[in-house]
Amino acid sequence: KVTQEETERMIRMINDLLQLSRMD
């Protein structure tokens, strides 16, 4: 469960970074 939560956290961060990159 902890591994799944950390994986989802990294996915959210990467999605946020991709979204910021598209905005930039």
PDB file of all heavy atoms in Angstrom:
ATOM      1  N   LYS A   1       0.824  -1.201   0.000  1.00  0.00           N
ATOM      2  CA  LYS A   1       0.000   0.000   0.000  1.00  0.00           C
ATOM      3  C   LYS A   1       0.869   1.268   0.000  1.00  0.00           C
ATOM      4  O   LYS A   1       0.598   2.226  -0.736  1.00  0.00           O
ATOM      5  CB  LYS A   1      -0.915  -0.019   1.224  1.00  0.00           C
ATOM      6  CG  LYS A   1      -1.850   1.192   1.275  1.00  0.00           C
ATOM      7  CD  LYS A   1      -2.754   1.141   2.495  1.00  0.00           C
ATOM      8  CE  LYS A   1      -3.676   2.360   2.536  1.00  0.00           C
ATOM      9  NZ  LYS A   1      -4.573   2.344   3.717  1.00  0.00           N
ATOM     10  N   VAL A   2       1.944   1.254   0.852  1.00  0.00           N
ATOM     11  CA  VAL A   2       2.841   2.429   0.871  1.00  0.00           C
ATOM     12  C   VAL A   2       3.503   2.612  -0.480  1.00  0.00           C
ATOM     13  O   VAL A   2       3.633   3.729  -0.992  1.00  0.00           O
ATOM     14  CB  VAL A   2       3.897   2.252   1.988  1.00  0.00           C
ATOM     15  CG1 VAL A   2       4.954   3.351   1.889  1.00  0.00           C
ATOM     16  CG2 VAL A   2       3.236   2.254   3.351  1.00  0.00           C
ATOM     17  N   THR A   3       3.931   1.476  -1.092  1.00  0.00           N
ATOM     18  CA  THR A   3       4.576   1.567  -2.405  1.00  0.00           C
ATOM     19  C   THR A   3       3.613   2.132  -3.437  1.00  0.00           C
ATOM     20  O   THR A   3       3.983   2.956  -4.285  1.00  0.00           O
ATOM     21  CB  THR A   3       5.061   0.173  -2.837  1.00  0.00           C
ATOM     22  OG1 THR A   3       5.942  -0.359  -1.845  1.00  0.00           O
ATOM     23  CG2 THR A   3       5.778   0.251  -4.174  1.00  0.00           C
ATOM     24  N   GLN A   4       2.343   1.690  -3.355  1.00  0.00           N
ATOM     25  CA  GLN A   4       1.331   2.208  -4.289  1.00  0.00           C
ATOM     26  C   GLN A   4       1.112   3.707  -4.082  1.00  0.00           C
ATOM     27  O   GLN A   4       1.025   4.478  -5.053  1.00  0.00           O
ATOM     28  CB  GLN A   4       0.029   1.442  -4.098  1.00  0.00           C
ATOM     29  CG  GLN A   4      -1.061   1.871  -5.081  1.00  0.00           C
ATOM     30  CD  GLN A   4      -2.364   1.128  -4.834  1.00  0.00           C
ATOM     31  OE1 GLN A   4      -2.530   0.455  -3.807  1.00  0.00           O
ATOM     32  NE2 GLN A   4      -3.285   1.245  -5.774  1.00  0.00           N
ATOM     33  N   GLU A   5       1.032   4.152  -2.841  1.00  0.00           N
ATOM     34  CA  GLU A   5       0.810   5.578  -2.556  1.00  0.00           C
ATOM     35  C   GLU A   5       1.974   6.438  -3.066  1.00  0.00           C
ATOM     36  O   GLU A   5       1.767   7.525  -3.640  1.00  0.00           O
ATOM     37  CB  GLU A   5       0.621   5.779  -1.052  1.00  0.00           C
ATOM     38  CG  GLU A   5      -0.691   5.223  -0.538  1.00  0.00           C
ATOM     39  CD  GLU A   5      -0.795   5.333   0.974  1.00  0.00           C
ATOM     40  OE1 GLU A   5       0.237   5.693   1.605  1.00  0.00           O
ATOM     41  OE2 GLU A   5      -1.884   5.075   1.519  1.00  0.00           O
ATOM     42  N   GLU A   6       3.200   5.964  -2.856  1.00  0.00           N
ATOM     43  CA  GLU A   6       4.366   6.724  -3.324  1.00  0.00           C
ATOM     44  C   GLU A   6       4.415   6.780  -4.846  1.00  0.00           C
ATOM     45  O   GLU A   6       4.801   7.786  -5.436  1.00  0.00           O
ATOM     46  CB  GLU A   6       5.661   6.104  -2.774  1.00  0.00           C
ATOM     47  CG  GLU A   6       5.826   6.209  -1.267  1.00  0.00           C
ATOM     48  CD  GLU A   6       5.917   7.648  -0.806  1.00  0.00           C
ATOM     49  OE1 GLU A   6       6.404   8.526  -1.565  1.00  0.00           O
ATOM     50  OE2 GLU A   6       5.493   7.926   0.334  1.00  0.00           O
ATOM     51  N   THR A   7       3.994   5.645  -5.462  1.00  0.00           N
ATOM     52  CA  THR A   7       3.966   5.630  -6.931  1.00  0.00           C
ATOM     53  C   THR A   7       2.944   6.632  -7.447  1.00  0.00           C
ATOM     54  O   THR A   7       3.208   7.391  -8.405  1.00  0.00           O
ATOM     55  CB  THR A   7       3.612   4.223  -7.425  1.00  0.00           C
ATOM     56  OG1 THR A   7       4.575   3.293  -6.924  1.00  0.00           O
ATOM     57  CG2 THR A   7       3.601   4.178  -8.949  1.00  0.00           C
ATOM     58  N   GLU A   8       1.760   6.653  -6.836  1.00  0.00           N
ATOM     59  CA  GLU A   8       0.734   7.618  -7.244  1.00  0.00           C
ATOM     60  C   GLU A   8       1.204   9.051  -7.004  1.00  0.00           C
ATOM     61  O   GLU A   8       0.904   9.959  -7.797  1.00  0.00           O
ATOM     62  CB  GLU A   8      -0.561   7.337  -6.469  1.00  0.00           C
ATOM     63  CG  GLU A   8      -1.234   6.031  -6.882  1.00  0.00           C
ATOM     64  CD  GLU A   8      -2.456   5.723  -6.016  1.00  0.00           C
ATOM     65  OE1 GLU A   8      -2.648   6.466  -5.020  1.00  0.00           O
ATOM     66  OE2 GLU A   8      -3.195   4.788  -6.347  1.00  0.00           O
ATOM     67  N   ARG A   9       1.924   9.266  -5.921  1.00  0.00           N
ATOM     68  CA  ARG A   9       2.462  10.605  -5.628  1.00  0.00           C
ATOM     69  C   ARG A   9       3.427  11.052  -6.727  1.00  0.00           C
ATOM     70  O   ARG A   9       3.372  12.197  -7.190  1.00  0.00           O
ATOM     71  CB  ARG A   9       3.163  10.586  -4.281  1.00  0.00           C
ATOM     72  CG  ARG A   9       3.820  11.900  -3.902  1.00  0.00           C
ATOM     73  CD  ARG A   9       4.511  11.742  -2.566  1.00  0.00           C
ATOM     74  NE  ARG A   9       5.323  12.913  -2.264  1.00  0.00           N
ATOM     75  CZ  ARG A   9       6.142  13.003  -1.205  1.00  0.00           C
ATOM     76  NH1 ARG A   9       6.248  11.983  -0.364  1.00  0.00           N
ATOM     77  NH2 ARG A   9       6.838  14.094  -0.996  1.00  0.00           N
ATOM     78  N   MET A  10       4.308  10.141  -7.181  1.00  0.00           N
ATOM     79  CA  MET A  10       5.254  10.492  -8.252  1.00  0.00           C
ATOM     80  C   MET A  10       4.510  10.723  -9.562  1.00  0.00           C
ATOM     81  O   MET A  10       4.876  11.607 -10.343  1.00  0.00           O
ATOM     82  CB  MET A  10       6.287   9.377  -8.406  1.00  0.00           C
ATOM     83  CG  MET A  10       7.327   9.347  -7.298  1.00  0.00           C
ATOM     84  SD  MET A  10       8.700   8.227  -7.660  1.00  0.00           S
ATOM     85  CE  MET A  10       7.860   6.657  -7.667  1.00  0.00           C
ATOM     86  N   ILE A  11       3.456   9.925  -9.799  1.00  0.00           N
ATOM     87  CA  ILE A  11       2.694  10.114 -11.038  1.00  0.00           C
ATOM     88  C   ILE A  11       2.020  11.485 -11.036  1.00  0.00           C
ATOM     89  O   ILE A  11       2.012  12.196 -12.050  1.00  0.00           O
ATOM     90  CB  ILE A  11       1.658   8.975 -11.189  1.00  0.00           C
ATOM     91  CG1 ILE A  11       2.371   7.637 -11.485  1.00  0.00           C
ATOM     92  CG2 ILE A  11       0.666   9.299 -12.306  1.00  0.00           C
ATOM     93  CD1 ILE A  11       1.448   6.441 -11.486  1.00  0.00           C
ATOM     94  N   ARG A  12       1.435  11.859  -9.854  1.00  0.00           N
ATOM     95  CA  ARG A  12       0.810  13.189  -9.773  1.00  0.00           C
ATOM     96  C   ARG A  12       1.839  14.289 -10.020  1.00  0.00           C
ATOM     97  O   ARG A  12       1.570  15.276 -10.711  1.00  0.00           O
ATOM     98  CB  ARG A  12       0.163  13.365  -8.395  1.00  0.00           C
ATOM     99  CG  ARG A  12      -1.082  12.559  -8.195  1.00  0.00           C
ATOM    100  CD  ARG A  12      -1.861  13.080  -6.984  1.00  0.00           C
ATOM    101  NE  ARG A  12      -1.065  13.098  -5.778  1.00  0.00           N
ATOM    102  CZ  ARG A  12      -0.963  12.057  -4.930  1.00  0.00           C
ATOM    103  NH1 ARG A  12      -1.607  10.910  -5.192  1.00  0.00           N
ATOM    104  NH2 ARG A  12      -0.247  12.162  -3.828  1.00  0.00           N
ATOM    105  N   MET A  13       3.021  14.128  -9.434  1.00  0.00           N
ATOM    106  CA  MET A  13       4.065  15.142  -9.609  1.00  0.00           C
ATOM    107  C   MET A  13       4.488  15.245 -11.068  1.00  0.00           C
ATOM    108  O   MET A  13       4.641  16.349 -11.616  1.00  0.00           O
ATOM    109  CB  MET A  13       5.273  14.802  -8.738  1.00  0.00           C
ATOM    110  CG  MET A  13       6.387  15.842  -8.795  1.00  0.00           C
ATOM    111  SD  MET A  13       7.815  15.313  -7.856  1.00  0.00           S
ATOM    112  CE  MET A  13       7.114  15.100  -6.231  1.00  0.00           C
ATOM    113  N   ILE A  14       4.658  14.080 -11.710  1.00  0.00           N
ATOM    114  CA  ILE A  14       5.080  14.103 -13.121  1.00  0.00           C
ATOM    115  C   ILE A  14       3.992  14.702 -13.996  1.00  0.00           C
ATOM    116  O   ILE A  14       4.258  15.461 -14.937  1.00  0.00           O
ATOM    117  CB  ILE A  14       5.448  12.666 -13.569  1.00  0.00           C
ATOM    118  CG1 ILE A  14       6.729  12.213 -12.856  1.00  0.00           C
ATOM    119  CG2 ILE A  14       5.633  12.613 -15.076  1.00  0.00           C
ATOM    120  CD1 ILE A  14       7.079  10.766 -13.079  1.00  0.00           C
ATOM    121  N   ASN A  15       2.720  14.373 -13.678  1.00  0.00           N
ATOM    122  CA  ASN A  15       1.621  14.978 -14.435  1.00  0.00           C
ATOM    123  C   ASN A  15       1.596  16.494 -14.265  1.00  0.00           C
ATOM    124  O   ASN A  15       1.356  17.248 -15.222  1.00  0.00           O
ATOM    125  CB  ASN A  15       0.289  14.371 -13.985  1.00  0.00           C
ATOM    126  CG  ASN A  15       0.115  12.943 -14.489  1.00  0.00           C
ATOM    127  OD1 ASN A  15       0.692  12.564 -15.517  1.00  0.00           O
ATOM    128  ND2 ASN A  15      -0.683  12.145 -13.777  1.00  0.00           N
ATOM    129  N   ASP A  16       1.832  16.936 -13.026  1.00  0.00           N
ATOM    130  CA  ASP A  16       1.894  18.381 -12.787  1.00  0.00           C
ATOM    131  C   ASP A  16       3.035  19.024 -13.567  1.00  0.00           C
ATOM    132  O   ASP A  16       2.889  20.117 -14.139  1.00  0.00           O
ATOM    133  CB  ASP A  16       2.067  18.661 -11.290  1.00  0.00           C
ATOM    134  CG  ASP A  16       0.796  18.352 -10.507  1.00  0.00           C
ATOM    135  OD1 ASP A  16      -0.267  18.243 -11.137  1.00  0.00           O
ATOM    136  OD2 ASP A  16       0.892  18.221  -9.260  1.00  0.00           O
ATOM    137  N   LEU A  17       4.179  18.344 -13.578  1.00  0.00           N
ATOM    138  CA  LEU A  17       5.326  18.889 -14.323  1.00  0.00           C
ATOM    139  C   LEU A  17       5.030  18.940 -15.811  1.00  0.00           C
ATOM    140  O   LEU A  17       5.389  19.910 -16.495  1.00  0.00           O
ATOM    141  CB  LEU A  17       6.576  18.033 -14.058  1.00  0.00           C
ATOM    142  CG  LEU A  17       7.185  18.142 -12.659  1.00  0.00           C
ATOM    143  CD1 LEU A  17       8.312  17.123 -12.486  1.00  0.00           C
ATOM    144  CD2 LEU A  17       7.718  19.539 -12.413  1.00  0.00           C
ATOM    145  N   LEU A  18       4.383  17.916 -16.336  1.00  0.00           N
ATOM    146  CA  LEU A  18       4.031  17.919 -17.762  1.00  0.00           C
ATOM    147  C   LEU A  18       3.037  19.028 -18.068  1.00  0.00           C
ATOM    148  O   LEU A  18       3.128  19.683 -19.118  1.00  0.00           O
ATOM    149  CB  LEU A  18       3.446  16.555 -18.145  1.00  0.00           C
ATOM    150  CG  LEU A  18       4.448  15.390 -18.159  1.00  0.00           C
ATOM    151  CD1 LEU A  18       3.723  14.072 -18.423  1.00  0.00           C
ATOM    152  CD2 LEU A  18       5.531  15.616 -19.213  1.00  0.00           C
ATOM    153  N   GLN A  19       2.114  19.237 -17.147  1.00  0.00           N
ATOM    154  CA  GLN A  19       1.137  20.308 -17.361  1.00  0.00           C
ATOM    155  C   GLN A  19       1.815  21.679 -17.348  1.00  0.00           C
ATOM    156  O   GLN A  19       1.525  22.533 -18.194  1.00  0.00           O
ATOM    157  CB  GLN A  19       0.066  20.236 -16.272  1.00  0.00           C
ATOM    158  CG  GLN A  19      -1.078  21.227 -16.490  1.00  0.00           C
ATOM    159  CD  GLN A  19      -2.166  21.054 -15.451  1.00  0.00           C
ATOM    160  OE1 GLN A  19      -2.116  20.152 -14.622  1.00  0.00           O
ATOM    161  NE2 GLN A  19      -3.171  21.915 -15.502  1.00  0.00           N
ATOM    162  N   LEU A  20       2.733  21.879 -16.405  1.00  0.00           N
ATOM    163  CA  LEU A  20       3.486  23.144 -16.373  1.00  0.00           C
ATOM    164  C   LEU A  20       4.333  23.315 -17.624  1.00  0.00           C
ATOM    165  O   LEU A  20       4.462  24.421 -18.159  1.00  0.00           O
ATOM    166  CB  LEU A  20       4.391  23.190 -15.131  1.00  0.00           C
ATOM    167  CG  LEU A  20       3.720  23.589 -13.824  1.00  0.00           C
ATOM    168  CD1 LEU A  20       4.698  23.411 -12.666  1.00  0.00           C
ATOM    169  CD2 LEU A  20       3.225  25.024 -13.876  1.00  0.00           C
ATOM    170  N   SER A  21       4.901  22.201 -18.104  1.00  0.00           N
ATOM    171  CA  SER A  21       5.726  22.277 -19.313  1.00  0.00           C
ATOM    172  C   SER A  21       4.883  22.696 -20.503  1.00  0.00           C
ATOM    173  O   SER A  21       5.309  23.515 -21.317  1.00  0.00           O
ATOM    174  CB  SER A  21       6.383  20.924 -19.572  1.00  0.00           C
ATOM    175  OG  SER A  21       7.119  20.946 -20.778  1.00  0.00           O
ATOM    176  N   ARG A  22       3.659  22.151 -20.610  1.00  0.00           N
ATOM    177  CA  ARG A  22       2.780  22.561 -21.712  1.00  0.00           C
ATOM    178  C   ARG A  22       2.387  24.024 -21.587  1.00  0.00           C
ATOM    179  O   ARG A  22       2.277  24.737 -22.583  1.00  0.00           O
ATOM    180  CB  ARG A  22       1.531  21.664 -21.721  1.00  0.00           C
ATOM    181  CG  ARG A  22       1.795  20.259 -22.222  1.00  0.00           C
ATOM    182  CD  ARG A  22       0.481  19.547 -22.512  1.00  0.00           C
ATOM    183  NE  ARG A  22      -0.304  19.334 -21.298  1.00  0.00           N
ATOM    184  CZ  ARG A  22      -0.223  18.265 -20.516  1.00  0.00           C
ATOM    185  NH1 ARG A  22       0.634  17.288 -20.837  1.00  0.00           N
ATOM    186  NH2 ARG A  22      -0.986  18.148 -19.452  1.00  0.00           N
ATOM    187  N   MET A  23       2.191  24.468 -20.354  1.00  0.00           N
ATOM    188  CA  MET A  23       1.868  25.888 -20.149  1.00  0.00           C
ATOM    189  C   MET A  23       3.042  26.776 -20.539  1.00  0.00           C
ATOM    190  O   MET A  23       2.866  27.832 -21.153  1.00  0.00           O
ATOM    191  CB  MET A  23       1.497  26.135 -18.688  1.00  0.00           C
ATOM    192  CG  MET A  23       0.172  25.532 -18.285  1.00  0.00           C
ATOM    193  SD  MET A  23      -0.212  25.831 -16.530  1.00  0.00           S
ATOM    194  CE  MET A  23      -1.855  25.113 -16.399  1.00  0.00           C
ATOM    195  N   ASP A  24       4.248  26.349 -20.182  1.00  0.00           N
ATOM    196  CA  ASP A  24       5.432  27.145 -20.513  1.00  0.00           C
ATOM    197  C   ASP A  24       5.633  27.242 -22.012  1.00  0.00           C
ATOM    198  O   ASP A  24       6.065  28.284 -22.529  1.00  0.00           O
ATOM    199  CB  ASP A  24       6.680  26.536 -19.857  1.00  0.00           C
ATOM    200  CG  ASP A  24       6.679  26.720 -18.344  1.00  0.00           C
ATOM    201  OD1 ASP A  24       5.949  27.603 -17.872  1.00  0.00           O
ATOM    202  OD2 ASP A  24       7.399  25.968 -17.648  1.00  0.00           O
TER     203      ASP A  24
END
